[in-house]
Amino acid sequence: MQLLKIQINAQDDHSGARPLPILLSLILGITGFTVFQDFLHSSYNNYAFHFSESLLFKSFWLLFLPFSFLQFRLLKRSAAFVPALLLPIALHILAFACTVWLLSALLFTHTYAFRDLIGYTLSEDSYKYVLIYGATALLYIRRQAVVQKPEAFPAAPVKKITIGAARNFSSIAVDEILYISSCTPYISIRTRQKSHLYTESLKSIMSRLDQQQFVRVHKSTIVNIHQVRSYRSRLNGDYDILLKNEEEVRLSRNYAQRFKELMG
């Protein structure tokens, strides 16, 4: 259990980091493409293209990288979807306005007003914020939902079956069962002493029995391999099974392979 816990924790630690190289490549590609788009737009409309100014406003795309990482961290800490969506968006808007304002003040002859930058990005980029941060959050949540869970151990086969009618109940050891047959709407559990009606389906009771001891021999019959004396062919693909109490049960050709495997 300790090893399992360590493995799950290790997986969680990297769950937010793995998408980052892909995200970085995507953001750089989009940034380059949008700068080129600005160049084409300026050429088509016959105005001067300023690479530095275009790249300055494309810092909008570059800021997705740190704030997407922040979003992954929030989701990893079990933050609700809405806060994990809105907080990165709000910080991104402020960071974009601050970045363009500061760099324009330091590197350009004119400075873009902080308030105008907030209004600009809200009017031009709101849908981009929602789509990108919404998509990354949903992808992260979906990815976490499909993390493989520890495989549950199958329940141990039952050793006894309790048979009851009214206020009288008795237990039958499964080793004493000769065969179980369908007796709609019940099943009949046959022992050497008698047959007992039981409220359960063949499929259901088969799932609770030892699969190495009990085998389906017909669509309506399950046999205890330990109670089989012999079997012989009917020469048509079916067989007759002789039980230790001298009763015979039919073995259908559709179930013969598994029966023979258990009989050895």
Protein backbone atom coordinates (compact mmCIF):
# COMPACT_ATOMS: atom_id res chain seq x y z
CA MET A 1 0.00 0.00 0.00
CA GLN A 2 2.91 2.38 0.76
CA LEU A 3 4.43 1.69 -2.66
CA LEU A 4 1.07 2.36 -4.31
CA LYS A 5 0.75 5.65 -2.43
CA ILE A 6 4.24 6.75 -3.53
CA GLN A 7 3.49 5.91 -7.16
CA ILE A 8 0.20 7.84 -7.12
CA ASN A 9 1.84 10.87 -5.48
CA ALA A 10 4.65 10.81 -8.03
CA GLN A 11 2.12 10.72 -10.81
CA ASP A 12 0.23 13.66 -9.31
CA ASP A 13 3.46 15.70 -9.05
CA HIS A 14 4.02 15.46 -12.80
CA SER A 15 0.39 15.68 -13.90
CA GLY A 16 0.52 19.44 -14.33
CA ALA A 17 4.08 19.56 -15.76
CA ARG A 18 3.71 17.18 -18.67
CA PRO A 19 1.43 19.39 -20.80
CA LEU A 20 3.76 22.40 -20.41
CA PRO A 21 6.24 21.58 -23.25
CA ILE A 22 3.29 21.10 -25.59
CA LEU A 23 1.71 24.33 -24.36
CA LEU A 24 5.00 26.23 -24.79
CA SER A 25 5.39 25.01 -28.38
CA LEU A 26 1.80 25.91 -29.14
CA ILE A 27 2.08 29.40 -27.66
CA LEU A 28 5.35 30.18 -29.47
CA GLY A 29 3.81 28.97 -32.71
CA ILE A 30 0.72 31.12 -32.25
CA THR A 31 2.86 34.14 -31.34
CA GLY A 32 4.95 33.80 -34.49
CA PHE A 33 1.87 33.27 -36.62
CA THR A 34 0.04 36.33 -35.27
CA VAL A 35 3.13 38.53 -35.80
CA PHE A 36 3.22 37.32 -39.39
CA GLN A 37 -0.51 38.00 -39.64
CA ASP A 38 0.13 41.60 -38.55
CA PHE A 39 2.75 41.90 -41.30
CA LEU A 40 0.31 40.64 -43.92
CA HIS A 41 -2.40 42.97 -42.64
CA SER A 42 -0.09 46.00 -42.84
CA SER A 43 1.02 45.06 -46.36
CA TYR A 44 -2.54 44.60 -47.56
CA ASN A 45 -3.71 47.90 -46.04
CA ASN A 46 -0.57 49.87 -47.03
CA TYR A 47 0.69 51.01 -43.64
CA ALA A 48 4.05 50.59 -41.94
CA PHE A 49 4.74 47.38 -40.08
CA HIS A 50 6.61 47.74 -36.77
CA PHE A 51 7.93 44.39 -35.66
CA SER A 52 8.79 45.50 -32.12
CA GLU A 53 5.33 46.94 -31.53
CA SER A 54 3.63 43.86 -32.95
CA LEU A 55 5.76 41.59 -30.77
CA LEU A 56 4.99 43.76 -27.73
CA PHE A 57 1.26 43.16 -28.05
CA LYS A 58 1.84 39.49 -28.78
CA SER A 59 3.18 39.16 -25.24
CA PHE A 60 -0.50 38.44 -24.63
CA TRP A 61 0.14 34.91 -25.93
CA LEU A 62 3.42 34.39 -24.09
CA LEU A 63 1.71 35.11 -20.77
CA PHE A 64 -0.45 32.02 -21.19
CA LEU A 65 2.52 29.86 -20.22
CA PRO A 66 3.07 31.06 -16.62
CA PHE A 67 -0.62 31.47 -15.91
CA SER A 68 -1.48 28.05 -17.33
CA PHE A 69 1.12 26.64 -14.96
CA LEU A 70 -0.57 28.56 -12.14
CA GLN A 71 -3.90 27.11 -13.22
CA PHE A 72 -2.49 23.56 -13.09
CA ARG A 73 -1.22 24.22 -9.57
CA LEU A 74 -4.63 25.50 -8.47
CA LEU A 75 -6.39 22.46 -9.89
CA LYS A 76 -3.83 20.15 -8.31
CA ARG A 77 -4.64 21.69 -4.94
CA SER A 78 -8.30 20.75 -5.46
CA ALA A 79 -9.44 24.26 -6.28
CA ALA A 80 -12.94 24.50 -7.73
CA PHE A 81 -13.27 24.89 -11.49
CA VAL A 82 -14.58 28.48 -11.44
CA PRO A 83 -11.78 29.96 -9.24
CA ALA A 84 -9.20 28.00 -11.25
CA LEU A 85 -10.64 29.60 -14.38
CA LEU A 86 -11.23 33.18 -13.22
CA LEU A 87 -8.05 33.80 -11.21
CA PRO A 88 -5.61 33.11 -14.09
CA ILE A 89 -7.77 35.23 -16.41
CA ALA A 90 -7.78 38.20 -14.02
CA LEU A 91 -4.03 37.97 -13.39
CA HIS A 92 -3.35 37.55 -17.11
CA ILE A 93 -5.29 40.72 -17.95
CA LEU A 94 -3.38 42.72 -15.34
CA ALA A 95 -0.03 41.23 -16.34
CA PHE A 96 -0.62 41.98 -20.02
CA ALA A 97 -1.53 45.61 -19.31
CA CYS A 98 1.47 46.01 -16.99
CA THR A 99 3.87 44.41 -19.48
CA VAL A 100 2.82 46.55 -22.44
CA TRP A 101 2.68 49.73 -20.33
CA LEU A 102 6.12 49.16 -18.79
CA LEU A 103 7.94 48.08 -21.96
CA SER A 104 6.40 50.87 -24.01
CA ALA A 105 7.54 53.35 -21.36
CA LEU A 106 11.08 51.95 -21.39
CA LEU A 107 11.61 51.14 -25.06
CA PHE A 108 9.27 53.30 -27.12
CA THR A 109 8.83 57.00 -27.69
CA HIS A 110 5.20 56.75 -26.61
CA THR A 111 3.63 55.02 -23.62
CA TYR A 112 0.36 53.12 -23.76
CA ALA A 113 -2.03 54.06 -20.96
CA PHE A 114 -2.65 51.26 -18.47
CA ARG A 115 -6.41 51.87 -18.40
CA ASP A 116 -6.61 51.81 -22.20
CA LEU A 117 -4.73 48.52 -22.29
CA ILE A 118 -7.20 46.95 -19.85
CA GLY A 119 -10.10 48.09 -22.03
CA TYR A 120 -8.33 46.91 -25.18
CA THR A 121 -7.63 43.38 -24.01
CA LEU A 122 -11.12 42.98 -22.52
CA SER A 123 -12.77 44.05 -25.77
CA GLU A 124 -10.45 42.11 -28.09
CA ASP A 125 -9.37 39.04 -26.16
CA SER A 126 -12.09 38.06 -23.67
CA TYR A 127 -13.19 35.00 -25.66
CA LYS A 128 -9.57 33.86 -25.98
CA TYR A 129 -9.10 33.93 -22.21
CA VAL A 130 -12.26 31.92 -21.60
CA LEU A 131 -11.64 29.38 -24.37
CA ILE A 132 -7.98 28.70 -23.61
CA TYR A 133 -8.12 28.63 -19.82
CA GLY A 134 -11.44 26.80 -19.93
CA ALA A 135 -10.05 24.16 -22.29
CA THR A 136 -6.86 23.60 -20.28
CA ALA A 137 -8.86 23.28 -17.05
CA LEU A 138 -11.28 20.77 -18.59
CA LEU A 139 -8.44 18.74 -20.11
CA TYR A 140 -6.64 18.62 -16.77
CA ILE A 141 -9.79 17.53 -14.91
CA ARG A 142 -10.55 14.89 -17.53
CA ARG A 143 -6.99 13.60 -17.41
CA GLN A 144 -7.11 13.27 -13.64
CA ALA A 145 -10.43 11.44 -13.84
CA VAL A 146 -8.95 8.65 -15.95
CA VAL A 147 -5.93 8.03 -13.73
CA GLN A 148 -5.92 4.30 -13.17
CA LYS A 149 -7.26 3.28 -9.80
CA PRO A 150 -5.84 0.35 -7.80
CA GLU A 151 -7.36 -2.87 -9.03
CA ALA A 152 -9.78 -4.34 -6.54
CA PHE A 153 -9.14 -7.89 -5.44
CA PRO A 154 -11.95 -10.31 -6.34
CA ALA A 155 -14.07 -11.56 -3.46
CA ALA A 156 -13.13 -14.98 -2.11
CA PRO A 157 -15.44 -17.81 -3.24
CA VAL A 158 -18.20 -18.66 -0.77
CA LYS A 159 -17.79 -21.80 1.32
CA LYS A 160 -21.40 -22.11 2.43
CA ILE A 161 -24.81 -21.15 1.10
CA THR A 162 -27.64 -20.41 3.51
CA ILE A 163 -30.98 -21.91 2.48
CA GLY A 164 -34.12 -20.73 4.22
CA ALA A 165 -37.89 -20.88 4.15
CA ALA A 166 -40.10 -18.99 6.60
CA ARG A 167 -38.14 -19.10 9.88
CA ASN A 168 -36.09 -22.22 9.12
CA PHE A 169 -32.60 -21.72 7.79
CA SER A 170 -29.75 -24.12 7.14
CA SER A 171 -26.29 -23.89 5.61
CA ILE A 172 -25.03 -26.06 2.78
CA ALA A 173 -21.30 -26.47 2.29
CA VAL A 174 -20.53 -25.84 -1.37
CA ASP A 175 -18.41 -29.02 -1.45
CA GLU A 176 -21.62 -31.01 -0.87
CA ILE A 177 -23.35 -29.56 -3.92
CA LEU A 178 -23.65 -31.99 -6.84
CA TYR A 179 -25.05 -29.52 -9.33
CA ILE A 180 -27.20 -26.42 -9.59
CA SER A 181 -29.94 -26.14 -12.18
CA SER A 182 -32.39 -23.52 -13.31
CA CYS A 183 -35.90 -23.87 -11.90
CA THR A 184 -37.60 -20.62 -12.89
CA PRO A 185 -38.08 -18.35 -11.00
CA TYR A 186 -35.63 -20.10 -8.65
CA ILE A 187 -32.57 -22.30 -8.94
CA SER A 188 -32.37 -25.82 -7.59
CA ILE A 189 -29.31 -26.73 -5.51
CA ARG A 190 -28.89 -30.51 -5.57
CA THR A 191 -27.05 -32.35 -2.80
CA ARG A 192 -26.94 -36.09 -2.04
CA GLN A 193 -29.78 -35.67 0.44
CA LYS A 194 -32.24 -33.45 -1.46
CA SER A 195 -32.84 -30.51 -3.78
CA HIS A 196 -33.16 -27.02 -2.33
CA LEU A 197 -34.91 -24.12 -4.03
CA TYR A 198 -32.95 -20.90 -3.81
CA THR A 199 -33.77 -17.36 -4.92
CA GLU A 200 -30.87 -16.37 -7.16
CA SER A 201 -29.91 -16.61 -10.82
CA LEU A 202 -27.40 -19.11 -12.19
CA LYS A 203 -25.17 -16.28 -13.38
CA SER A 204 -25.20 -14.61 -9.98
CA ILE A 205 -24.45 -17.72 -7.95
CA MET A 206 -21.76 -18.79 -10.41
CA SER A 207 -19.93 -15.52 -9.79
CA ARG A 208 -19.77 -16.36 -6.06
CA LEU A 209 -18.48 -19.92 -6.49
CA ASP A 210 -14.95 -21.19 -6.99
CA GLN A 211 -14.37 -21.09 -10.76
CA GLN A 212 -11.90 -23.97 -10.48
CA GLN A 213 -14.48 -26.20 -8.80
CA PHE A 214 -17.79 -25.26 -10.43
CA VAL A 215 -18.33 -25.13 -14.16
CA ARG A 216 -21.24 -24.33 -16.45
CA VAL A 217 -22.12 -27.47 -18.45
CA HIS A 218 -25.37 -26.24 -19.95
CA LYS A 219 -27.23 -22.93 -20.17
CA SER A 220 -29.35 -24.18 -17.28
CA THR A 221 -26.85 -26.26 -15.26
CA ILE A 222 -23.72 -25.81 -13.15
CA VAL A 223 -21.76 -28.87 -11.99
CA ASN A 224 -19.36 -29.42 -9.10
CA ILE A 225 -16.26 -30.95 -10.74
CA HIS A 226 -15.38 -32.71 -7.47
CA GLN A 227 -18.66 -34.63 -7.69
CA VAL A 228 -18.10 -35.96 -11.23
CA ARG A 229 -17.38 -39.68 -11.60
CA SER A 230 -17.02 -39.84 -15.39
CA TYR A 231 -18.41 -38.58 -18.67
CA ARG A 232 -19.04 -40.10 -22.09
CA SER A 233 -19.74 -38.77 -25.54
CA ARG A 234 -23.12 -38.87 -27.22
CA LEU A 235 -21.29 -38.84 -30.58
CA ASN A 236 -23.00 -35.60 -31.57
CA GLY A 237 -20.74 -33.15 -29.72
CA ASP A 238 -22.65 -33.40 -26.43
CA TYR A 239 -21.76 -35.57 -23.43
CA ASP A 240 -23.39 -37.31 -20.48
CA ILE A 241 -21.81 -36.59 -17.09
CA LEU A 242 -22.12 -39.29 -14.43
CA LEU A 243 -22.09 -37.87 -10.90
CA LYS A 244 -21.00 -39.68 -7.77
CA ASN A 245 -24.62 -40.19 -6.72
CA GLU A 246 -25.19 -42.00 -10.07
CA GLU A 247 -27.26 -39.16 -11.55
CA GLU A 248 -26.55 -38.08 -15.10
CA VAL A 249 -26.33 -34.49 -16.31
CA ARG A 250 -26.03 -33.35 -19.90
CA LEU A 251 -22.87 -31.53 -21.00
CA SER A 252 -23.52 -29.23 -23.96
CA ARG A 253 -20.90 -28.98 -26.68
CA ASN A 254 -20.84 -25.20 -26.11
CA TYR A 255 -19.45 -25.71 -22.59
CA ALA A 256 -17.36 -28.85 -23.19
CA GLN A 257 -13.96 -27.18 -23.55
CA ARG A 258 -13.91 -25.55 -20.11
CA PHE A 259 -15.28 -28.72 -18.50
CA LYS A 260 -12.51 -30.83 -20.04
CA GLU A 261 -9.87 -28.34 -18.92
CA LEU A 262 -10.99 -28.63 -15.30
CA MET A 263 -11.27 -32.40 -15.50
CA GLY A 264 -7.70 -32.55 -16.73
